[in-house]
Amino acid sequence: MVSIFSGEVNRTWRFTDGAGAGHEVVLYHHPLTGARAAMVDHAELDQSLGTSSVFHAATTTMPFRAGTARGTITIQRTSLAS
C-alpha cells in the first residue's frame, strides 16, 4: 500500500508458468494523477494505459495472460490517503 503522495510507483513480478517458461509483469502507476500502464513480457498489456486516480472507482483490475499462466493486476484504493 502506498500514499497518494508517493509519486510514481513501479512494481515488477517475475514468475515461471506451468510449462517452465519465465515471465515478467510490470505495473507503472502514479497514485495522485492516476496515470497507469502495464507490460507483460515487455509488451504493453492491452487496455492497461489509462487512469486510476483517487477520483475513480475504488478498484481497477487488469487481467493478463503470460504463456500458460493467467493473472490479474489489481489497483485498489482503500481511502483518499491510500
Protein backbone atom coordinates (compact mmCIF):
# COMPACT_ATOMS: atom_id res chain seq x y z
CA MET A 1 0.00 0.00 0.00
CA VAL A 2 1.29 3.46 -0.86
CA SER A 3 0.21 7.03 -0.15
CA ILE A 4 -1.20 9.12 -3.00
CA PHE A 5 1.76 11.45 -2.37
CA SER A 6 4.35 8.70 -3.03
CA GLY A 7 4.87 9.70 -6.63
CA GLU A 8 5.22 7.15 -9.40
CA VAL A 9 5.07 3.54 -8.22
CA ASN A 10 6.64 0.70 -10.19
CA ARG A 11 6.08 -2.96 -9.38
CA THR A 12 7.65 -5.95 -11.11
CA TRP A 13 6.61 -9.58 -10.74
CA ARG A 14 8.74 -12.40 -12.20
CA PHE A 15 7.41 -15.95 -12.29
CA THR A 16 7.56 -19.26 -14.13
CA ASP A 17 4.40 -20.64 -15.75
CA GLY A 18 3.28 -24.27 -15.67
CA ALA A 19 5.30 -25.05 -18.81
CA GLY A 20 8.51 -23.75 -17.20
CA ALA A 21 8.75 -20.51 -19.20
CA GLY A 22 9.80 -17.36 -17.33
CA HIS A 23 7.65 -14.22 -17.48
CA GLU A 24 7.72 -10.64 -16.22
CA VAL A 25 4.77 -8.38 -15.41
CA VAL A 26 5.41 -4.68 -14.72
CA LEU A 27 2.96 -2.06 -13.43
CA TYR A 28 3.63 1.69 -13.64
CA HIS A 29 1.18 3.80 -11.62
CA HIS A 30 1.05 7.34 -10.25
CA PRO A 31 -1.45 7.30 -7.33
CA LEU A 32 -2.25 11.03 -7.40
CA THR A 33 -2.69 11.57 -11.15
CA GLY A 34 -3.85 8.00 -11.72
CA ALA A 35 -1.68 7.52 -14.82
CA ARG A 36 -1.06 3.81 -15.28
CA ALA A 37 0.27 1.24 -17.73
CA ALA A 38 1.26 -2.40 -17.51
CA MET A 39 3.56 -4.61 -19.52
CA VAL A 40 3.63 -8.39 -19.84
CA ASP A 41 6.88 -9.85 -21.17
CA HIS A 42 7.99 -6.40 -22.42
CA ALA A 43 4.80 -5.75 -24.41
CA GLU A 44 2.09 -3.30 -23.36
CA LEU A 45 -0.90 -5.04 -21.81
CA ASP A 46 -3.97 -4.26 -23.92
CA GLN A 47 -6.19 -1.60 -22.33
CA SER A 48 -3.84 -1.04 -19.37
CA LEU A 49 -3.00 2.51 -20.46
CA GLY A 50 -5.36 4.86 -18.61
CA THR A 51 -6.06 6.47 -15.26
CA SER A 52 -6.91 5.09 -11.82
CA SER A 53 -6.81 8.11 -9.53
CA VAL A 54 -8.47 8.81 -6.19
CA PHE A 55 -11.44 10.20 -8.14
CA HIS A 56 -12.12 6.93 -10.00
CA ALA A 57 -13.57 3.60 -8.91
CA ALA A 58 -12.06 2.06 -5.79
CA THR A 59 -10.77 -0.98 -7.69
CA THR A 60 -9.20 -1.31 -11.13
CA THR A 61 -8.45 -4.77 -12.48
CA MET A 62 -6.34 -5.69 -15.48
CA PRO A 63 -6.43 -9.38 -16.40
CA PHE A 64 -3.45 -10.75 -18.31
CA ARG A 65 -2.11 -13.92 -19.84
CA ALA A 66 1.56 -14.91 -19.93
CA GLY A 67 2.26 -18.23 -21.61
CA THR A 68 0.11 -20.81 -19.87
CA ALA A 69 -0.39 -18.56 -16.82
CA ARG A 70 -3.30 -16.20 -16.23
CA GLY A 71 -3.41 -13.45 -13.65
CA THR A 72 -4.89 -10.11 -12.67
CA ILE A 73 -3.22 -6.86 -11.70
CA THR A 74 -5.40 -5.03 -9.16
CA ILE A 75 -5.12 -1.38 -8.14
CA GLN A 76 -7.25 -0.86 -5.06
CA ARG A 77 -7.99 2.40 -3.28
CA THR A 78 -8.89 1.97 0.38
CA SER A 79 -9.25 5.68 1.21
CA LEU A 80 -8.28 9.11 -0.14
CA ALA A 81 -4.89 8.72 1.54
CA SER A 82 -4.01 5.22 0.29
